[in-house]
Amino acid sequence: MARTMTLVQAVNAALAHEMERDERVVVLGEDVGINGGVFRATEGLYESYGEQRVIDTPLNESGIVGLALGMALHGLQPVAEIQFADFIWPAFDQITSEVTKFRYKSGGMFTVPMVIRTPYGGGIRGGHYHSQSIESYFVHTAGIKVVIPSTPADTYGLLLSAVRDPDPVLFLEPKAIYRKAKGEVPGGDHTVPLGSARIARAGEDVTLIAYGAMVPVCERAAQRASEAGISAEVVDLRSLVPLDEHAVLESVAKTGRVVIVHEAVRTGGFGGEIAALLAEKGLLYLEAPVVRVTGFDTPFPYSLEGLYMPDEYRVWNAIKQVTDF
């Protein structure tokens, strides 16, 4: 039965559903148990499933991921939480050297069915230690899937798919819209396939490509464009790895103009990968240069957060740039 939820409530509901469905699913991380998580994403799970399946760990990200890896290799399906994406770096070696390599180095004898959940990005005035976008560090590493939802329904459905996937999944949750994004969630066994993009808004004149908290920014910019007679299509990638290339190319073939939006820094950001895809496979579709609207190549600021993060006005200016070309 569908219920209206916020994005963080959808995380909680998805975890509860999977823990009820499969006793091999365990949750672990700092404060995930008795406290219910710093954002309350795991609230109530400890009371429902006990300390054997909802495990409060020490403040040790390398240990959290290493423990989850061992669990996954021995038949469990762990969901590890890193309290903020900015704190994932102590676990970087475990993830990139061990978690992502086990299927390959074992010749397929072992799989690693584990999820690493973490809130990422700006929007809560967290400053440079609580606001970073980390996706590009991990899309570069073969062997891990990178998933970023933007709506409660997709959060629920993608998280179910991530928990059931035989390979490791980095599940990045845009904390800027944890409680701002609200919508109906089908509930039950509703899954969303990993690697499938979503057309958040149909359009004919320009394609806006985004993920996470930038999707509603693009939707607002598209509405502003419509008032000026420009029809903008918004493509929500949902998964960066695997990437739905077909959906991207199909939209660009229709519109001929592209604006790519993400809050991560510009240099080395995932937008460059999308631009490269269009140069290789969609060049003849383009009627204007690809434009990126991104964060800046600086540490994430505290007092200037509103200037750093892309907003509907920066996206609208980019829309005008590509449509006036």
Protein backbone atom coordinates (compact mmCIF):
# COMPACT_ATOMS: atom_id res chain seq x y z
CA MET A 1 0.00 0.00 0.00
CA ALA A 2 1.47 3.35 -1.06
CA ARG A 3 2.32 5.89 1.64
CA THR A 4 3.61 9.46 1.49
CA MET A 5 7.16 9.58 2.81
CA THR A 6 10.21 11.75 2.92
CA LEU A 7 13.40 10.45 1.33
CA VAL A 8 14.94 9.46 4.69
CA GLN A 9 11.72 7.70 5.71
CA ALA A 10 11.94 5.73 2.47
CA VAL A 11 15.45 4.60 3.43
CA ASN A 12 14.14 3.40 6.77
CA ALA A 13 11.15 1.63 5.20
CA ALA A 14 13.36 -0.12 2.63
CA LEU A 15 15.77 -1.37 5.29
CA ALA A 16 12.89 -2.61 7.45
CA HIS A 17 11.31 -4.41 4.49
CA GLU A 18 14.54 -6.17 3.55
CA MET A 19 15.34 -7.14 7.15
CA GLU A 20 11.86 -8.61 7.50
CA ARG A 21 12.12 -10.41 4.16
CA ASP A 22 15.59 -11.91 4.64
CA GLU A 23 17.21 -12.69 7.99
CA ARG A 24 20.65 -12.50 6.36
CA VAL A 25 20.30 -8.70 6.03
CA VAL A 26 22.15 -6.90 8.82
CA VAL A 27 22.76 -3.20 9.41
CA LEU A 28 25.94 -1.84 10.95
CA GLY A 29 27.58 1.53 11.54
CA GLU A 30 28.15 4.30 14.05
CA ASP A 31 25.00 5.09 16.11
CA VAL A 32 22.72 3.09 13.80
CA GLY A 33 21.27 1.05 16.66
CA ILE A 34 20.04 2.54 19.90
CA ASN A 35 20.27 6.11 18.56
CA GLY A 36 18.66 5.31 15.21
CA GLY A 37 21.34 7.10 13.18
CA VAL A 38 22.37 10.74 13.08
CA PHE A 39 19.61 11.42 10.51
CA ARG A 40 17.28 8.78 12.04
CA ALA A 41 17.51 6.64 8.92
CA THR A 42 17.70 3.46 11.01
CA GLU A 43 15.25 4.52 13.71
CA GLY A 44 13.26 1.61 15.16
CA LEU A 45 15.31 -1.14 13.52
CA TYR A 46 17.24 -1.96 16.70
CA GLU A 47 14.00 -2.40 18.62
CA SER A 48 12.53 -4.60 15.88
CA TYR A 49 15.53 -6.79 15.02
CA GLY A 50 17.88 -6.63 17.98
CA GLU A 51 21.57 -6.07 18.53
CA GLN A 52 22.62 -9.12 16.50
CA ARG A 53 21.25 -7.58 13.28
CA VAL A 54 21.52 -3.84 14.01
CA ILE A 55 25.06 -3.35 15.18
CA ASP A 56 26.49 -0.20 16.75
CA THR A 57 30.15 -0.12 15.76
CA PRO A 58 33.13 1.83 17.04
CA LEU A 59 34.05 5.05 15.27
CA ASN A 60 36.20 3.24 12.70
CA GLU A 61 35.14 3.41 9.06
CA SER A 62 37.81 0.98 7.91
CA GLY A 63 36.58 -1.48 10.50
CA ILE A 64 32.94 -1.00 9.49
CA VAL A 65 33.62 -1.78 5.84
CA GLY A 66 36.09 -4.56 6.64
CA LEU A 67 33.55 -6.20 8.96
CA ALA A 68 30.83 -5.89 6.32
CA LEU A 69 33.13 -7.46 3.74
CA GLY A 70 33.74 -10.46 5.99
CA MET A 71 30.02 -10.80 6.62
CA ALA A 72 29.26 -10.69 2.88
CA LEU A 73 31.87 -13.35 2.09
CA HIS A 74 30.35 -15.64 4.71
CA GLY A 75 26.74 -15.55 3.57
CA LEU A 76 25.24 -12.43 5.11
CA GLN A 77 23.97 -9.34 3.27
CA PRO A 78 25.30 -6.39 5.26
CA VAL A 79 24.23 -2.78 4.87
CA ALA A 80 27.02 -0.63 6.27
CA GLU A 81 26.41 3.02 7.05
CA ILE A 82 29.12 5.66 6.87
CA GLN A 83 27.68 8.51 8.92
CA PHE A 84 28.79 11.20 6.43
CA ALA A 85 30.32 10.56 3.02
CA ASP A 86 33.17 12.87 4.00
CA PHE A 87 34.30 10.26 6.55
CA ILE A 88 34.58 7.39 4.09
CA TRP A 89 38.28 7.97 3.41
CA PRO A 90 39.62 5.71 6.20
CA ALA A 91 37.71 2.91 4.44
CA PHE A 92 38.89 3.86 0.95
CA ASP A 93 41.56 1.16 0.84
CA GLN A 94 39.14 -1.53 2.05
CA ILE A 95 36.65 -0.52 -0.64
CA THR A 96 38.95 -0.01 -3.61
CA SER A 97 41.49 -2.76 -2.85
CA GLU A 98 39.35 -5.48 -1.28
CA VAL A 99 35.56 -5.05 -1.59
CA THR A 100 35.66 -4.26 -5.30
CA LYS A 101 38.24 -6.91 -6.21
CA PHE A 102 37.00 -10.13 -4.59
CA ARG A 103 34.82 -11.36 -7.46
CA TYR A 104 37.64 -10.69 -9.93
CA LYS A 105 40.53 -12.12 -7.94
CA SER A 106 38.56 -15.23 -6.97
CA GLY A 107 37.60 -15.94 -10.57
CA GLY A 108 33.94 -15.58 -9.69
CA MET A 109 34.06 -18.02 -6.75
CA PHE A 110 33.07 -15.23 -4.35
CA THR A 111 30.62 -12.38 -4.65
CA VAL A 112 30.32 -9.46 -2.24
CA PRO A 113 26.61 -8.72 -1.68
CA MET A 114 26.97 -5.64 0.50
CA VAL A 115 25.70 -2.07 0.46
CA ILE A 116 27.54 0.97 1.76
CA ARG A 117 25.00 3.70 2.53
CA THR A 118 26.10 7.25 3.17
CA PRO A 119 24.57 10.74 3.08
CA TYR A 120 26.51 13.04 0.75
CA GLY A 121 26.56 16.58 -0.62
CA GLY A 122 25.72 20.04 0.62
CA GLY A 123 22.54 21.82 1.54
CA ILE A 124 22.66 21.60 5.34
CA ARG A 125 25.39 24.19 6.01
CA GLY A 126 27.78 21.49 7.12
CA GLY A 127 30.94 23.14 5.84
CA HIS A 128 33.82 21.41 4.15
CA TYR A 129 33.87 18.30 6.38
CA HIS A 130 30.19 17.40 6.00
CA SER A 131 29.22 18.48 2.47
CA GLN A 132 31.46 16.81 -0.09
CA SER A 133 30.33 14.92 -3.19
CA ILE A 134 32.45 11.79 -3.46
CA GLU A 135 30.93 9.92 -6.38
CA SER A 136 33.76 10.37 -8.88
CA TYR A 137 36.32 8.74 -6.60
CA PHE A 138 34.33 5.51 -6.77
CA VAL A 139 32.92 5.44 -10.31
CA HIS A 140 36.59 5.22 -11.34
CA THR A 141 36.94 1.91 -9.46
CA ALA A 142 35.81 -1.19 -11.34
CA GLY A 143 33.73 -3.63 -9.31
CA ILE A 144 31.35 -1.36 -7.43
CA LYS A 145 27.99 0.08 -8.43
CA VAL A 146 27.20 3.70 -7.58
CA VAL A 147 23.56 4.63 -7.05
CA ILE A 148 22.07 8.05 -6.20
CA PRO A 149 18.29 8.48 -5.80
CA SER A 150 16.37 11.77 -5.90
CA THR A 151 12.83 10.80 -4.86
CA PRO A 152 11.39 8.75 -1.99
CA ALA A 153 9.92 6.15 -4.37
CA ASP A 154 13.23 5.66 -6.14
CA THR A 155 15.10 5.60 -2.85
CA TYR A 156 12.93 2.73 -1.67
CA GLY A 157 13.04 0.79 -4.92
CA LEU A 158 16.73 1.31 -5.62
CA LEU A 159 17.73 0.37 -2.07
CA LEU A 160 15.80 -2.88 -2.30
CA SER A 161 17.62 -3.66 -5.55
CA ALA A 162 20.97 -2.70 -4.02
CA VAL A 163 20.51 -5.00 -1.02
CA ARG A 164 19.63 -7.90 -3.34
CA ASP A 165 22.47 -7.28 -5.78
CA PRO A 166 25.30 -9.85 -5.69
CA ASP A 167 27.94 -7.14 -6.01
CA PRO A 168 28.89 -4.21 -3.76
CA VAL A 169 26.82 -1.05 -4.11
CA LEU A 170 27.70 2.44 -2.90
CA PHE A 171 24.34 4.04 -2.14
CA LEU A 172 24.70 7.81 -1.91
CA GLU A 173 21.80 9.63 -0.25
CA PRO A 174 21.43 13.37 -0.97
CA LYS A 175 20.98 14.72 2.53
CA ALA A 176 19.96 18.18 1.28
CA ILE A 177 16.59 16.66 0.36
CA TYR A 178 16.34 14.00 3.09
CA ARG A 179 13.22 15.72 4.39
CA LYS A 180 12.44 18.13 1.56
CA ALA A 181 11.69 15.41 -0.98
CA LYS A 182 8.25 13.95 -0.30
CA GLY A 183 6.14 11.63 -2.37
CA GLU A 184 4.20 8.41 -2.56
CA VAL A 185 6.19 5.23 -2.07
CA PRO A 186 4.57 2.03 -3.37
CA GLY A 187 6.04 -0.07 -0.56
CA GLY A 188 5.98 -3.86 -0.48
CA ASP A 189 8.32 -5.53 -2.95
CA HIS A 190 8.57 -2.50 -5.25
CA THR A 191 12.04 -2.47 -6.81
CA VAL A 192 13.74 -0.13 -9.28
CA PRO A 193 16.40 -1.74 -11.49
CA LEU A 194 19.95 -0.48 -11.06
CA GLY A 195 21.22 1.16 -14.23
CA SER A 196 17.91 2.61 -15.41
CA ALA A 197 17.53 6.38 -15.74
CA ARG A 198 14.23 8.19 -15.25
CA ILE A 199 12.68 10.96 -17.30
CA ALA A 200 11.69 13.31 -14.49
CA ARG A 201 10.16 15.80 -16.92
CA ALA A 202 9.60 15.42 -20.66
CA GLY A 203 10.75 18.14 -23.05
CA GLU A 204 11.75 18.87 -26.63
CA ASP A 205 14.31 21.70 -26.77
CA VAL A 206 17.08 20.94 -24.27
CA THR A 207 18.13 18.02 -22.06
CA LEU A 208 19.07 18.60 -18.43
CA ILE A 209 21.05 15.69 -16.98
CA ALA A 210 21.36 15.42 -13.21
CA TYR A 211 21.20 13.14 -10.17
CA GLY A 212 20.48 13.40 -6.47
CA ALA A 213 19.61 16.82 -5.04
CA MET A 214 20.24 18.47 -8.42
CA VAL A 215 17.20 16.81 -10.00
CA PRO A 216 14.65 19.08 -8.26
CA VAL A 217 16.93 22.05 -9.06
CA CYS A 218 16.71 21.10 -12.74
CA GLU A 219 12.96 20.63 -12.50
CA ARG A 220 12.59 24.17 -11.16
CA ALA A 221 14.86 25.49 -13.91
CA ALA A 222 12.81 23.58 -16.49
CA GLN A 223 9.65 25.23 -15.19
CA ARG A 224 11.31 28.63 -15.48
CA ALA A 225 12.33 27.74 -19.04
CA SER A 226 8.78 26.69 -19.93
CA GLU A 227 7.54 30.13 -18.90
CA ALA A 228 9.95 31.53 -21.51
CA GLY A 229 8.72 29.11 -24.18
CA ILE A 230 11.59 26.60 -23.87
CA SER A 231 10.73 22.94 -23.35
CA ALA A 232 13.36 21.27 -21.13
CA GLU A 233 13.63 17.54 -20.52
CA VAL A 234 15.09 16.42 -17.18
CA VAL A 235 16.94 13.10 -17.10
CA ASP A 236 17.52 11.69 -13.62
CA LEU A 237 20.42 9.24 -13.98
CA ARG A 238 19.64 7.38 -10.71
CA SER A 239 22.70 5.12 -11.27
CA LEU A 240 26.13 6.37 -12.31
CA VAL A 241 27.45 2.80 -12.46
CA PRO A 242 25.89 1.13 -14.35
CA LEU A 243 25.00 4.15 -16.50
CA ASP A 244 21.90 4.17 -18.68
CA GLU A 245 23.64 5.40 -21.84
CA HIS A 246 20.59 4.65 -23.97
CA ALA A 247 18.35 7.02 -22.00
CA VAL A 248 20.93 9.81 -22.20
CA LEU A 249 21.52 9.42 -25.94
CA GLU A 250 17.82 9.03 -26.73
CA SER A 251 17.00 12.29 -24.96
CA VAL A 252 19.86 14.19 -26.60
CA ALA A 253 18.92 12.83 -30.03
CA LYS A 254 15.51 14.43 -29.49
CA THR A 255 16.62 17.82 -28.12
CA GLY A 256 20.09 18.43 -29.59
CA ARG A 257 21.16 20.54 -26.60
CA VAL A 258 22.54 19.48 -23.22
CA VAL A 259 23.14 20.95 -19.78
CA ILE A 260 24.78 18.66 -17.21
CA VAL A 261 24.31 19.53 -13.54
CA HIS A 262 26.03 18.21 -10.41
CA GLU A 263 27.16 19.79 -7.15
CA ALA A 264 30.57 18.07 -7.13
CA VAL A 265 33.61 20.04 -8.27
CA ARG A 266 33.88 20.66 -11.99
CA THR A 267 37.30 19.15 -12.70
CA GLY A 268 37.07 15.37 -12.77
CA GLY A 269 33.36 15.50 -11.97
CA PHE A 270 30.97 12.94 -13.44
CA GLY A 271 29.66 15.56 -15.85
CA GLY A 272 32.89 15.21 -17.80
CA GLU A 273 32.14 11.51 -18.32
CA ILE A 274 28.69 12.34 -19.69
CA ALA A 275 30.21 14.95 -21.99
CA ALA A 276 32.73 12.37 -23.22
CA LEU A 277 29.92 9.89 -23.88
CA LEU A 278 28.14 12.50 -25.99
CA ALA A 279 31.33 13.32 -27.88
CA GLU A 280 31.91 9.65 -28.69
CA LYS A 281 28.39 8.44 -29.39
CA GLY A 282 26.16 11.48 -29.75
CA LEU A 283 28.21 14.13 -31.52
CA LEU A 284 25.97 14.27 -34.56
CA TYR A 285 22.94 14.90 -32.35
CA LEU A 286 24.38 18.08 -30.85
CA GLU A 287 23.34 21.51 -32.07
CA ALA A 288 25.31 23.41 -29.40
CA PRO A 289 28.30 22.76 -27.13
CA VAL A 290 27.61 20.79 -23.96
CA VAL A 291 27.44 23.05 -20.90
CA ARG A 292 28.17 21.96 -17.32
CA VAL A 293 26.76 23.61 -14.21
CA THR A 294 28.69 22.36 -11.19
CA GLY A 295 30.30 23.16 -7.89
CA PHE A 296 33.58 25.04 -8.01
CA ASP A 297 37.14 23.72 -7.78
CA THR A 298 37.48 24.78 -4.15
CA PRO A 299 36.85 23.19 -0.77
CA PHE A 300 33.17 23.27 0.06
CA PRO A 301 32.48 26.60 1.81
CA TYR A 302 30.36 27.19 4.89
CA SER A 303 29.10 30.77 4.67
CA LEU A 304 29.04 30.77 0.85
CA GLU A 305 27.24 27.46 0.44
CA GLY A 306 24.40 29.13 -1.46
CA LEU A 307 26.84 30.47 -4.05
CA TYR A 308 28.73 27.20 -4.38
CA MET A 309 25.83 24.88 -5.03
CA PRO A 310 24.11 25.03 -8.42
CA ASP A 311 20.64 26.54 -8.27
CA GLU A 312 17.79 27.03 -10.72
CA TYR A 313 19.14 30.42 -11.82
CA ARG A 314 22.56 29.06 -12.82
CA VAL A 315 20.85 26.21 -14.66
CA TRP A 316 18.44 28.64 -16.35
CA ASN A 317 21.40 30.73 -17.57
CA ALA A 318 22.96 27.57 -19.00
CA ILE A 319 19.68 26.71 -20.75
CA LYS A 320 19.69 30.15 -22.38
CA GLN A 321 23.33 29.69 -23.38
CA VAL A 322 22.71 26.44 -25.27
CA THR A 323 19.38 27.48 -26.80
CA ASP A 324 20.79 30.82 -28.00
CA PHE A 325 23.85 29.22 -29.60
